[in-house]
Amino acid sequence: MKSQLLILLAFFISGLSFAQCTITGKTVLKVQDEETYSISPDIGQCRDCHLWSNYGKSATVIGDNKLSSIKLKANEEGRQLISISVLTSQGMIQCSKTIEILSGKNYENAINGTSADVKQNTNISKNCDIEVTDFKQGKFGDGIVNFFPNVSNNEYKYAWTVNYSDGSIMKSTDKTPQFPYSKEKSISIVKLQIFSKNCIKDLSRSYEPIFWEHF
């Protein structure tokens, strides 16, 4: 029975469509780390109605690839793709996850949201006297981020625009606004316009999804 099931899984894997399932586990690993990945929700018809596939040379699978969870060991820097095919009462489903494997400073930059994960742009009107040169983010609560300028001046007016990964937009005129975020709906761009009596300064910062997964 088990061998027939595995043959059936292999036969259908090339034609599977992606279903409403996710793979839990970190999206960034440090070289030599081990991480457990599981399908959620686990709607397999039986304990070994799963088939994990591992694409790439940067990590290896530890354990039985027919169960709902596997352990992945990061061996070297690179990008790894894992996918799982599951036989359910509704038929075959598949989901996948891309994992970045980094080491040293590259790993620290990814976790802390510096370097390639956060890019900043500044546009300043000529002879502008606005002292704000940057803005930062802080965790206000679970799933809530707080943005604030690096210089406190009550004479300035602020206009914040936040673009999300799903295309939606939120705005605020507060000096230190709070915005929601999630892994499924991460913030991709934050724009800040600062107004003084003499000029306008534009600041913008773009974020990679990986930043919010570790924020």
N, C-alpha and C. Protein backbone atom coordinates (compact mmCIF):
# COMPACT_ATOMS: atom_id res chain seq x y z
N MET A 1 0.83 -1.20 0.00
CA MET A 1 0.00 0.00 0.00
C MET A 1 0.87 1.26 0.00
N LYS A 2 1.94 1.24 0.85
CA LYS A 2 2.81 2.41 0.94
C LYS A 2 3.54 2.66 -0.37
N SER A 3 4.01 1.59 -1.01
CA SER A 3 4.72 1.75 -2.28
C SER A 3 3.80 2.28 -3.36
N GLN A 4 2.56 1.84 -3.36
CA GLN A 4 1.58 2.34 -4.33
C GLN A 4 1.32 3.82 -4.12
N LEU A 5 1.28 4.23 -2.87
CA LEU A 5 1.03 5.63 -2.55
C LEU A 5 2.17 6.51 -3.04
N LEU A 6 3.41 6.06 -2.83
CA LEU A 6 4.57 6.85 -3.26
C LEU A 6 4.62 6.96 -4.78
N ILE A 7 4.25 5.90 -5.48
CA ILE A 7 4.21 5.94 -6.94
C ILE A 7 3.16 6.95 -7.39
N LEU A 8 2.01 6.95 -6.70
CA LEU A 8 0.94 7.89 -7.04
C LEU A 8 1.39 9.33 -6.82
N LEU A 9 2.10 9.58 -5.72
CA LEU A 9 2.61 10.92 -5.43
C LEU A 9 3.59 11.37 -6.51
N ALA A 10 4.50 10.50 -6.88
CA ALA A 10 5.49 10.86 -7.89
C ALA A 10 4.83 11.13 -9.24
N PHE A 11 3.78 10.41 -9.54
CA PHE A 11 3.09 10.56 -10.82
C PHE A 11 2.42 11.92 -10.95
N PHE A 12 1.84 12.39 -9.84
CA PHE A 12 1.07 13.64 -9.90
C PHE A 12 1.87 14.89 -9.57
N ILE A 13 3.08 14.77 -9.05
CA ILE A 13 3.78 15.93 -8.51
C ILE A 13 4.03 17.01 -9.55
N SER A 14 4.27 16.64 -10.79
CA SER A 14 4.57 17.65 -11.82
C SER A 14 3.35 18.47 -12.19
N GLY A 15 2.15 17.96 -11.94
CA GLY A 15 0.95 18.68 -12.33
C GLY A 15 0.17 19.27 -11.18
N LEU A 16 0.78 19.35 -10.01
CA LEU A 16 0.06 19.83 -8.84
C LEU A 16 -0.10 21.34 -8.87
N SER A 17 -1.21 21.80 -8.35
CA SER A 17 -1.41 23.23 -8.17
C SER A 17 -1.20 23.56 -6.70
N PHE A 18 -0.83 24.82 -6.42
CA PHE A 18 -0.55 25.21 -5.04
C PHE A 18 -1.85 25.44 -4.29
N ALA A 19 -1.96 24.89 -3.12
CA ALA A 19 -3.19 24.92 -2.36
C ALA A 19 -3.03 25.83 -1.14
N GLN A 20 -4.11 25.88 -0.34
CA GLN A 20 -4.11 26.72 0.84
C GLN A 20 -3.41 26.00 1.99
N CYS A 21 -2.11 25.91 1.88
CA CYS A 21 -1.31 25.34 2.96
C CYS A 21 0.00 26.11 3.01
N THR A 22 0.66 26.03 4.12
CA THR A 22 1.95 26.69 4.28
C THR A 22 2.93 25.75 4.94
N ILE A 23 4.20 26.08 4.81
CA ILE A 23 5.25 25.34 5.48
C ILE A 23 5.80 26.22 6.59
N THR A 24 5.68 25.77 7.82
CA THR A 24 6.17 26.54 8.95
C THR A 24 7.66 26.30 9.13
N GLY A 25 8.35 27.28 9.68
CA GLY A 25 9.79 27.19 9.88
C GLY A 25 10.47 28.45 9.39
N LYS A 26 11.69 28.67 9.79
CA LYS A 26 12.43 29.89 9.47
C LYS A 26 12.71 30.00 7.97
N THR A 27 12.70 31.23 7.47
CA THR A 27 13.05 31.47 6.07
C THR A 27 14.52 31.85 5.91
N VAL A 28 15.19 32.11 7.01
CA VAL A 28 16.62 32.41 6.98
C VAL A 28 17.32 31.50 7.99
N LEU A 29 18.34 30.79 7.54
CA LEU A 29 19.12 29.93 8.40
C LEU A 29 20.59 30.35 8.36
N LYS A 30 21.26 30.12 9.45
CA LYS A 30 22.70 30.32 9.52
C LYS A 30 23.38 29.00 9.19
N VAL A 31 24.49 29.07 8.49
CA VAL A 31 25.23 27.85 8.13
C VAL A 31 25.49 27.02 9.37
N GLN A 32 25.22 25.74 9.28
CA GLN A 32 25.33 24.74 10.34
C GLN A 32 24.10 24.67 11.25
N ASP A 33 23.12 25.56 11.05
CA ASP A 33 21.88 25.48 11.82
C ASP A 33 21.03 24.31 11.33
N GLU A 34 20.17 23.81 12.22
CA GLU A 34 19.16 22.83 11.85
C GLU A 34 17.79 23.40 12.21
N GLU A 35 16.82 23.19 11.36
CA GLU A 35 15.48 23.73 11.58
C GLU A 35 14.43 22.70 11.16
N THR A 36 13.35 22.62 11.92
CA THR A 36 12.26 21.71 11.60
C THR A 36 11.20 22.45 10.78
N TYR A 37 10.76 21.82 9.70
CA TYR A 37 9.72 22.38 8.83
C TYR A 37 8.53 21.43 8.81
N SER A 38 7.33 22.02 8.90
CA SER A 38 6.10 21.22 8.95
C SER A 38 5.05 21.85 8.07
N ILE A 39 4.14 21.02 7.57
CA ILE A 39 3.02 21.54 6.79
C ILE A 39 1.91 21.98 7.74
N SER A 40 1.25 23.08 7.39
CA SER A 40 0.14 23.59 8.21
C SER A 40 -0.98 24.09 7.30
N PRO A 41 -2.20 23.61 7.48
CA PRO A 41 -2.57 22.54 8.42
C PRO A 41 -2.19 21.17 7.84
N ASP A 42 -1.98 20.22 8.71
CA ASP A 42 -1.67 18.87 8.25
C ASP A 42 -2.98 18.13 7.99
N ILE A 43 -3.35 18.04 6.72
CA ILE A 43 -4.62 17.41 6.35
C ILE A 43 -4.39 16.14 5.55
N GLY A 44 -3.21 15.53 5.75
CA GLY A 44 -2.92 14.28 5.07
C GLY A 44 -3.83 13.16 5.52
N GLN A 45 -4.12 12.26 4.62
CA GLN A 45 -5.03 11.15 4.94
C GLN A 45 -4.41 10.14 5.89
N CYS A 46 -3.10 10.10 5.96
CA CYS A 46 -2.43 9.15 6.83
C CYS A 46 -1.08 9.71 7.26
N ARG A 47 -0.43 9.03 8.17
CA ARG A 47 0.82 9.53 8.75
C ARG A 47 1.91 9.70 7.69
N ASP A 48 1.99 8.75 6.76
CA ASP A 48 3.04 8.83 5.74
C ASP A 48 2.47 9.13 4.36
N CYS A 49 1.44 9.98 4.33
CA CYS A 49 0.85 10.42 3.05
C CYS A 49 1.50 11.72 2.57
N HIS A 50 2.77 11.90 2.86
CA HIS A 50 3.49 13.11 2.50
C HIS A 50 4.73 12.76 1.70
N LEU A 51 5.19 13.70 0.90
CA LEU A 51 6.44 13.51 0.17
C LEU A 51 7.15 14.85 0.05
N TRP A 52 8.27 14.98 0.78
CA TRP A 52 9.07 16.20 0.74
C TRP A 52 10.10 16.14 -0.39
N SER A 53 10.30 17.28 -1.04
CA SER A 53 11.35 17.39 -2.06
C SER A 53 12.26 18.54 -1.68
N ASN A 54 13.53 18.39 -1.97
CA ASN A 54 14.55 19.37 -1.59
C ASN A 54 15.34 19.77 -2.83
N TYR A 55 15.32 21.07 -3.17
CA TYR A 55 15.98 21.55 -4.38
C TYR A 55 17.07 22.54 -4.01
N GLY A 56 18.29 22.26 -4.42
CA GLY A 56 19.43 23.10 -4.10
C GLY A 56 20.53 22.29 -3.45
N LYS A 57 21.69 22.90 -3.32
CA LYS A 57 22.85 22.20 -2.78
C LYS A 57 23.30 22.74 -1.43
N SER A 58 22.51 23.65 -0.85
CA SER A 58 22.95 24.32 0.36
C SER A 58 22.47 23.67 1.65
N ALA A 59 21.55 22.72 1.55
CA ALA A 59 21.00 22.09 2.76
C ALA A 59 20.62 20.65 2.46
N THR A 60 20.59 19.85 3.51
CA THR A 60 20.21 18.46 3.37
C THR A 60 19.07 18.13 4.33
N VAL A 61 18.24 17.18 3.93
CA VAL A 61 17.10 16.75 4.75
C VAL A 61 17.54 15.66 5.70
N ILE A 62 17.13 15.82 6.96
CA ILE A 62 17.39 14.81 7.97
C ILE A 62 16.05 14.19 8.38
N GLY A 63 15.96 12.89 8.29
CA GLY A 63 14.72 12.23 8.73
C GLY A 63 13.91 11.69 7.56
N ASP A 64 12.74 11.18 7.88
CA ASP A 64 11.85 10.53 6.93
C ASP A 64 11.10 11.58 6.12
N ASN A 65 11.28 11.58 4.79
CA ASN A 65 10.63 12.60 3.96
C ASN A 65 9.19 12.25 3.60
N LYS A 66 8.62 11.22 4.24
CA LYS A 66 7.23 10.87 3.99
C LYS A 66 6.31 11.31 5.13
N LEU A 67 6.88 11.97 6.15
CA LEU A 67 6.08 12.42 7.29
C LEU A 67 5.72 13.90 7.14
N SER A 68 4.93 14.42 8.06
CA SER A 68 4.44 15.80 7.94
C SER A 68 5.51 16.83 8.30
N SER A 69 6.60 16.40 8.93
CA SER A 69 7.69 17.30 9.30
C SER A 69 9.03 16.71 8.89
N ILE A 70 9.95 17.59 8.57
CA ILE A 70 11.33 17.18 8.30
C ILE A 70 12.26 18.14 9.04
N LYS A 71 13.51 17.73 9.17
CA LYS A 71 14.54 18.61 9.70
C LYS A 71 15.52 18.90 8.57
N LEU A 72 15.87 20.18 8.43
CA LEU A 72 16.78 20.61 7.37
C LEU A 72 18.07 21.11 8.01
N LYS A 73 19.20 20.67 7.51
CA LYS A 73 20.50 21.14 8.00
C LYS A 73 21.13 22.04 6.95
N ALA A 74 21.49 23.27 7.37
CA ALA A 74 22.12 24.23 6.47
C ALA A 74 23.61 23.94 6.38
N ASN A 75 24.09 23.69 5.17
CA ASN A 75 25.48 23.30 4.98
C ASN A 75 26.37 24.44 4.47
N GLU A 76 25.83 25.27 3.58
CA GLU A 76 26.61 26.34 2.99
C GLU A 76 25.68 27.45 2.52
N GLU A 77 26.24 28.64 2.26
CA GLU A 77 25.43 29.77 1.82
C GLU A 77 24.76 29.47 0.48
N GLY A 78 23.53 29.95 0.34
CA GLY A 78 22.80 29.75 -0.91
C GLY A 78 21.31 29.79 -0.66
N ARG A 79 20.57 29.52 -1.70
CA ARG A 79 19.10 29.53 -1.62
C ARG A 79 18.60 28.11 -1.83
N GLN A 80 17.71 27.69 -0.95
CA GLN A 80 17.17 26.33 -0.97
C GLN A 80 15.65 26.40 -1.11
N LEU A 81 15.09 25.49 -1.89
CA LEU A 81 13.65 25.38 -2.03
C LEU A 81 13.22 24.01 -1.54
N ILE A 82 12.24 24.00 -0.63
CA ILE A 82 11.66 22.74 -0.20
C ILE A 82 10.17 22.76 -0.55
N SER A 83 9.64 21.61 -0.88
CA SER A 83 8.21 21.51 -1.18
C SER A 83 7.69 20.20 -0.60
N ILE A 84 6.38 20.20 -0.36
CA ILE A 84 5.75 18.99 0.17
C ILE A 84 4.48 18.71 -0.63
N SER A 85 4.31 17.47 -1.01
CA SER A 85 3.11 17.00 -1.68
C SER A 85 2.35 16.11 -0.69
N VAL A 86 1.05 16.32 -0.59
CA VAL A 86 0.24 15.63 0.43
C VAL A 86 -1.01 15.06 -0.22
N LEU A 87 -1.31 13.83 0.10
CA LEU A 87 -2.56 13.21 -0.34
C LEU A 87 -3.62 13.48 0.71
N THR A 88 -4.68 14.21 0.32
CA THR A 88 -5.76 14.58 1.23
C THR A 88 -7.08 13.99 0.73
N SER A 89 -8.14 14.20 1.50
CA SER A 89 -9.46 13.72 1.09
C SER A 89 -9.97 14.48 -0.13
N GLN A 90 -9.40 15.67 -0.38
CA GLN A 90 -9.78 16.45 -1.57
C GLN A 90 -8.87 16.21 -2.76
N GLY A 91 -7.88 15.36 -2.57
CA GLY A 91 -6.92 15.09 -3.64
C GLY A 91 -5.52 15.50 -3.24
N MET A 92 -4.65 15.66 -4.23
CA MET A 92 -3.26 16.00 -3.97
C MET A 92 -3.09 17.51 -3.87
N ILE A 93 -2.33 17.97 -2.85
CA ILE A 93 -1.99 19.38 -2.76
C ILE A 93 -0.49 19.51 -2.59
N GLN A 94 0.02 20.72 -2.86
CA GLN A 94 1.45 20.96 -2.72
C GLN A 94 1.67 22.40 -2.26
N CYS A 95 2.65 22.60 -1.39
CA CYS A 95 3.11 23.95 -1.06
C CYS A 95 4.62 23.93 -0.95
N SER A 96 5.22 25.11 -1.03
CA SER A 96 6.67 25.19 -1.05
C SER A 96 7.15 26.37 -0.21
N LYS A 97 8.45 26.40 0.04
CA LYS A 97 9.05 27.48 0.84
C LYS A 97 10.49 27.67 0.38
N THR A 98 10.87 28.93 0.21
CA THR A 98 12.24 29.27 -0.15
C THR A 98 13.00 29.68 1.11
N ILE A 99 14.21 29.17 1.26
CA ILE A 99 15.01 29.41 2.46
C ILE A 99 16.35 30.00 2.05
N GLU A 100 16.71 31.11 2.68
CA GLU A 100 18.01 31.73 2.47
C GLU A 100 18.97 31.20 3.54
N ILE A 101 20.13 30.72 3.10
CA ILE A 101 21.14 30.24 4.03
C ILE A 101 22.34 31.19 3.96
N LEU A 102 22.65 31.79 5.09
CA LEU A 102 23.69 32.82 5.15
C LEU A 102 24.67 32.52 6.27
N SER A 103 25.77 33.24 6.26
CA SER A 103 26.77 33.07 7.32
C SER A 103 27.35 34.42 7.70
N GLY A 104 27.92 34.47 8.90
CA GLY A 104 28.63 35.65 9.36
C GLY A 104 27.83 36.92 9.28
N LYS A 105 28.44 37.96 8.70
CA LYS A 105 27.84 39.29 8.64
C LYS A 105 26.58 39.29 7.78
N ASN A 106 26.56 38.47 6.73
CA ASN A 106 25.36 38.41 5.87
C ASN A 106 24.15 37.96 6.67
N TYR A 107 24.35 37.00 7.56
CA TYR A 107 23.25 36.51 8.39
C TYR A 107 22.81 37.60 9.38
N GLU A 108 23.76 38.25 10.02
CA GLU A 108 23.42 39.31 10.98
C GLU A 108 22.69 40.45 10.30
N ASN A 109 23.11 40.84 9.09
CA ASN A 109 22.45 41.92 8.36
C ASN A 109 21.01 41.56 8.03
N ALA A 110 20.79 40.32 7.63
CA ALA A 110 19.44 39.88 7.27
C ALA A 110 18.52 39.90 8.47
N ILE A 111 19.02 39.44 9.62
CA ILE A 111 18.21 39.39 10.83
C ILE A 111 17.92 40.78 11.37
N ASN A 112 18.91 41.67 11.28
CA ASN A 112 18.77 43.01 11.86
C ASN A 112 18.14 44.01 10.91
N GLY A 113 17.91 43.59 9.65
CA GLY A 113 17.27 44.50 8.70
C GLY A 113 18.17 45.57 8.17
N THR A 114 19.45 45.28 7.99
CA THR A 114 20.37 46.24 7.40
C THR A 114 20.84 45.72 6.05
N SER A 115 21.72 46.45 5.41
CA SER A 115 22.29 46.07 4.13
C SER A 115 21.21 45.93 3.07
N ALA A 116 21.16 44.80 2.36
CA ALA A 116 20.28 44.67 1.21
C ALA A 116 18.81 44.57 1.57
N ASP A 117 18.49 44.33 2.83
CA ASP A 117 17.09 44.16 3.21
C ASP A 117 16.36 45.47 3.45
N VAL A 118 17.12 46.55 3.65
CA VAL A 118 16.51 47.86 3.84
C VAL A 118 17.26 48.87 2.97
N LYS A 119 16.55 49.51 2.07
CA LYS A 119 17.17 50.50 1.18
C LYS A 119 16.48 51.83 1.39
N GLN A 120 17.26 52.90 1.52
CA GLN A 120 16.69 54.20 1.84
C GLN A 120 17.03 55.22 0.76
N ASN A 121 16.06 56.10 0.49
CA ASN A 121 16.25 57.19 -0.47
C ASN A 121 15.82 58.50 0.18
N THR A 122 16.49 59.58 -0.22
CA THR A 122 16.18 60.90 0.32
C THR A 122 16.09 61.90 -0.82
N ASN A 123 15.05 62.75 -0.78
CA ASN A 123 14.89 63.83 -1.75
C ASN A 123 14.64 65.12 -0.96
N ILE A 124 15.51 66.12 -1.14
CA ILE A 124 15.45 67.32 -0.33
C ILE A 124 15.30 68.53 -1.25
N SER A 125 14.34 69.41 -0.89
CA SER A 125 14.21 70.66 -1.61
C SER A 125 15.47 71.51 -1.40
N LYS A 126 15.79 72.32 -2.37
CA LYS A 126 17.00 73.15 -2.31
C LYS A 126 16.94 74.09 -1.11
N ASN A 127 18.07 74.19 -0.40
CA ASN A 127 18.20 75.06 0.77
C ASN A 127 17.20 74.70 1.87
N CYS A 128 16.90 73.45 1.99
CA CYS A 128 15.92 73.01 2.99
C CYS A 128 16.54 73.03 4.38
N ASP A 129 15.76 73.49 5.36
CA ASP A 129 16.26 73.60 6.73
C ASP A 129 15.75 72.49 7.65
N ILE A 130 15.09 71.48 7.09
CA ILE A 130 14.56 70.38 7.89
C ILE A 130 15.72 69.51 8.38
N GLU A 131 15.75 69.27 9.68
CA GLU A 131 16.87 68.55 10.29
C GLU A 131 16.72 67.04 10.23
N VAL A 132 15.53 66.56 9.98
CA VAL A 132 15.31 65.10 9.94
C VAL A 132 16.06 64.49 8.76
N THR A 133 16.87 63.49 9.03
CA THR A 133 17.65 62.83 7.98
C THR A 133 17.31 61.34 7.84
N ASP A 134 16.50 60.84 8.75
CA ASP A 134 16.24 59.40 8.76
C ASP A 134 14.98 59.14 9.60
N PHE A 135 14.42 57.96 9.45
CA PHE A 135 13.39 57.51 10.38
C PHE A 135 13.64 56.05 10.73
N LYS A 136 13.17 55.65 11.87
CA LYS A 136 13.42 54.30 12.34
C LYS A 136 12.10 53.61 12.66
N GLN A 137 12.19 52.31 12.89
CA GLN A 137 11.01 51.54 13.24
C GLN A 137 11.24 50.81 14.56
N GLY A 138 10.17 50.67 15.31
CA GLY A 138 10.22 49.93 16.56
C GLY A 138 8.98 49.07 16.70
N LYS A 139 9.07 47.99 17.44
CA LYS A 139 7.93 47.10 17.62
C LYS A 139 7.02 47.67 18.69
N PHE A 140 5.82 48.09 18.29
CA PHE A 140 4.86 48.70 19.20
C PHE A 140 4.04 47.64 19.93
N GLY A 141 3.85 46.52 19.30
CA GLY A 141 3.08 45.42 19.86
C GLY A 141 3.10 44.27 18.89
N ASP A 142 2.38 43.21 19.21
CA ASP A 142 2.34 42.05 18.34
C ASP A 142 1.68 42.41 17.01
N GLY A 143 2.47 42.40 15.93
CA GLY A 143 1.94 42.72 14.61
C GLY A 143 1.75 44.21 14.38
N ILE A 144 2.34 45.06 15.22
CA ILE A 144 2.23 46.51 15.07
C ILE A 144 3.62 47.12 15.07
N VAL A 145 3.93 47.94 14.06
CA VAL A 145 5.21 48.63 13.99
C VAL A 145 4.99 50.13 14.17
N ASN A 146 5.92 50.76 14.87
CA ASN A 146 5.87 52.20 15.12
C ASN A 146 7.02 52.86 14.37
N PHE A 147 6.73 53.87 13.54
CA PHE A 147 7.77 54.61 12.84
C PHE A 147 7.95 55.98 13.49
N PHE A 148 9.19 56.45 13.53
CA PHE A 148 9.45 57.75 14.14
C PHE A 148 10.68 58.40 13.51
N PRO A 149 10.64 59.73 13.32
CA PRO A 149 11.79 60.44 12.75
C PRO A 149 12.94 60.50 13.75
N ASN A 150 14.16 60.68 13.23
CA ASN A 150 15.33 60.67 14.12
C ASN A 150 15.57 62.01 14.81
N VAL A 151 14.81 63.02 14.46
CA VAL A 151 14.91 64.32 15.11
C VAL A 151 13.52 64.75 15.57
N SER A 152 13.42 65.17 16.82
CA SER A 152 12.13 65.58 17.36
C SER A 152 11.95 67.09 17.19
N ASN A 153 10.95 67.48 16.43
CA ASN A 153 10.66 68.90 16.21
C ASN A 153 9.16 69.05 16.02
N ASN A 154 8.50 69.70 16.96
CA ASN A 154 7.05 69.83 16.92
C ASN A 154 6.57 70.85 15.88
N GLU A 155 7.49 71.57 15.26
CA GLU A 155 7.09 72.55 14.25
C GLU A 155 6.89 71.91 12.87
N TYR A 156 7.41 70.68 12.71
CA TYR A 156 7.26 70.00 11.43
C TYR A 156 5.89 69.33 11.35
N LYS A 157 5.42 69.15 10.12
CA LYS A 157 4.23 68.33 9.86
C LYS A 157 4.69 67.11 9.07
N TYR A 158 3.97 66.00 9.27
CA TYR A 158 4.41 64.73 8.71
C TYR A 158 3.29 64.07 7.91
N ALA A 159 3.67 63.40 6.84
CA ALA A 159 2.72 62.62 6.04
C ALA A 159 3.38 61.28 5.71
N TRP A 160 2.87 60.22 6.30
CA TRP A 160 3.41 58.86 6.12
C TRP A 160 2.55 58.08 5.14
N THR A 161 3.18 57.34 4.26
CA THR A 161 2.48 56.43 3.35
C THR A 161 3.17 55.07 3.40
N VAL A 162 2.40 54.04 3.69
CA VAL A 162 2.93 52.68 3.79
C VAL A 162 2.32 51.81 2.70
N ASN A 163 3.18 51.20 1.90
CA ASN A 163 2.75 50.28 0.85
C ASN A 163 3.00 48.85 1.31
N TYR A 164 1.97 48.01 1.15
CA TYR A 164 2.07 46.62 1.57
C TYR A 164 2.33 45.70 0.37
N SER A 165 2.78 44.50 0.70
CA SER A 165 3.12 43.52 -0.33
C SER A 165 1.91 43.08 -1.16
N ASP A 166 0.69 43.23 -0.60
CA ASP A 166 -0.50 42.85 -1.35
C ASP A 166 -1.07 43.99 -2.18
N GLY A 167 -0.36 45.14 -2.22
CA GLY A 167 -0.81 46.28 -3.02
C GLY A 167 -1.62 47.31 -2.26
N SER A 168 -2.00 47.03 -1.04
CA SER A 168 -2.79 47.99 -0.27
C SER A 168 -1.90 49.10 0.29
N ILE A 169 -2.53 50.21 0.69
CA ILE A 169 -1.82 51.40 1.16
C ILE A 169 -2.50 51.91 2.42
N MET A 170 -1.70 52.36 3.38
CA MET A 170 -2.21 53.04 4.56
C MET A 170 -1.45 54.35 4.74
N LYS A 171 -2.13 55.36 5.30
CA LYS A 171 -1.52 56.67 5.48
C LYS A 171 -1.77 57.18 6.88
N SER A 172 -0.91 58.11 7.30
CA SER A 172 -1.07 58.74 8.61
C SER A 172 -0.36 60.09 8.60
N THR A 173 -0.90 61.03 9.37
CA THR A 173 -0.26 62.33 9.55
C THR A 173 0.26 62.48 10.98
N ASP A 174 0.28 61.40 11.73
CA ASP A 174 0.86 61.43 13.07
C ASP A 174 2.38 61.56 12.98
N LYS A 175 2.96 62.09 14.00
CA LYS A 175 4.42 62.20 14.04
C LYS A 175 5.06 60.83 14.18
N THR A 176 4.48 59.98 15.01
CA THR A 176 5.00 58.63 15.23
C THR A 176 3.87 57.63 15.06
N PRO A 177 3.51 57.30 13.84
CA PRO A 177 2.34 56.45 13.59
C PRO A 177 2.61 54.98 13.85
N GLN A 178 1.52 54.22 14.02
CA GLN A 178 1.60 52.76 14.13
C GLN A 178 0.86 52.13 12.96
N PHE A 179 1.47 51.08 12.40
CA PHE A 179 0.87 50.36 11.28
C PHE A 179 0.92 48.86 11.55
N PRO A 180 -0.10 48.14 11.10
CA PRO A 180 -0.07 46.68 11.25
C PRO A 180 0.81 46.04 10.18
N TYR A 181 1.29 44.84 10.47
CA TYR A 181 2.05 44.07 9.49
C TYR A 181 1.93 42.60 9.86
N SER A 182 2.24 41.73 8.91
CA SER A 182 2.26 40.29 9.16
C SER A 182 3.16 39.65 8.12
N LYS A 183 3.45 38.38 8.29
CA LYS A 183 4.25 37.66 7.30
C LYS A 183 3.53 37.60 5.96
N GLU A 184 2.18 37.47 6.03
CA GLU A 184 1.40 37.37 4.80
C GLU A 184 1.19 38.75 4.16
N LYS A 185 1.24 39.80 4.98
CA LYS A 185 1.02 41.16 4.49
C LYS A 185 2.12 42.04 5.05
N SER A 186 3.30 41.92 4.44
CA SER A 186 4.45 42.67 4.93
C SER A 186 4.49 44.06 4.31
N ILE A 187 5.23 44.94 4.95
CA ILE A 187 5.40 46.31 4.46
C ILE A 187 6.56 46.33 3.47
N SER A 188 6.33 46.85 2.28
CA SER A 188 7.37 46.87 1.25
C SER A 188 8.03 48.24 1.12
N ILE A 189 7.26 49.32 1.26
CA ILE A 189 7.82 50.67 1.14
C ILE A 189 7.18 51.59 2.17
N VAL A 190 8.00 52.40 2.81
CA VAL A 190 7.51 53.45 3.71
C VAL A 190 8.01 54.78 3.16
N LYS A 191 7.07 55.72 2.95
CA LYS A 191 7.42 57.05 2.46
C LYS A 191 7.04 58.08 3.53
N LEU A 192 7.93 59.03 3.75
CA LEU A 192 7.68 60.10 4.71
C LEU A 192 7.92 61.45 4.05
N GLN A 193 6.92 62.30 4.10
CA GLN A 193 7.06 63.69 3.69
C GLN A 193 7.05 64.57 4.93
N ILE A 194 8.07 65.43 5.04
CA ILE A 194 8.18 66.32 6.18
C ILE A 194 8.05 67.76 5.68
N PHE A 195 7.19 68.53 6.33
CA PHE A 195 6.91 69.89 5.90
C PHE A 195 7.37 70.88 6.99
N SER A 196 8.14 71.87 6.57
CA SER A 196 8.46 72.99 7.45
C SER A 196 7.89 74.25 6.81
N LYS A 197 8.16 75.40 7.41
CA LYS A 197 7.67 76.65 6.83
C LYS A 197 8.37 76.99 5.52
N ASN A 198 9.55 76.40 5.31
CA ASN A 198 10.36 76.79 4.16
C ASN A 198 10.48 75.74 3.07
N CYS A 199 10.26 74.46 3.39
CA CYS A 199 10.54 73.43 2.39
C CYS A 199 9.85 72.11 2.72
N ILE A 200 10.06 71.16 1.84
CA ILE A 200 9.55 69.80 1.99
C ILE A 200 10.70 68.83 1.80
N LYS A 201 10.76 67.83 2.66
CA LYS A 201 11.78 66.78 2.50
C LYS A 201 11.07 65.44 2.36
N ASP A 202 11.52 64.64 1.40
CA ASP A 202 10.97 63.30 1.17
C ASP A 202 11.99 62.25 1.58
N LEU A 203 11.54 61.30 2.38
CA LEU A 203 12.35 60.14 2.75
C LEU A 203 11.57 58.89 2.39
N SER A 204 12.25 57.88 1.93
CA SER A 204 11.58 56.61 1.64
C SER A 204 12.52 55.46 1.97
N ARG A 205 11.91 54.35 2.33
CA ARG A 205 12.69 53.17 2.67
C ARG A 205 11.94 51.94 2.18
N SER A 206 12.66 51.06 1.52
CA SER A 206 12.05 49.82 1.04
C SER A 206 12.54 48.65 1.89
N TYR A 207 11.65 47.68 2.10
CA TYR A 207 11.94 46.53 2.94
C TYR A 207 11.73 45.24 2.15
N GLU A 208 12.61 44.30 2.37
CA GLU A 208 12.40 42.95 1.84
C GLU A 208 11.51 42.18 2.81
N PRO A 209 10.70 41.23 2.31
CA PRO A 209 9.82 40.46 3.20
C PRO A 209 10.55 39.78 4.34
N ILE A 210 11.81 39.41 4.11
CA ILE A 210 12.58 38.71 5.13
C ILE A 210 12.75 39.55 6.40
N PHE A 211 12.73 40.89 6.23
CA PHE A 211 12.91 41.77 7.39
C PHE A 211 11.79 41.58 8.40
N TRP A 212 10.55 41.50 7.91
CA TRP A 212 9.40 41.42 8.81
C TRP A 212 9.25 40.05 9.44
N GLU A 213 9.84 39.04 8.83
CA GLU A 213 9.75 37.70 9.39
C GLU A 213 10.59 37.57 10.66
N HIS A 214 11.54 38.49 10.84
CA HIS A 214 12.41 38.44 12.02
C HIS A 214 12.32 39.69 12.86
N PHE A 215 11.36 40.56 12.54
CA PHE A 215 11.23 41.84 13.26
C PHE A 215 10.64 41.64 14.65
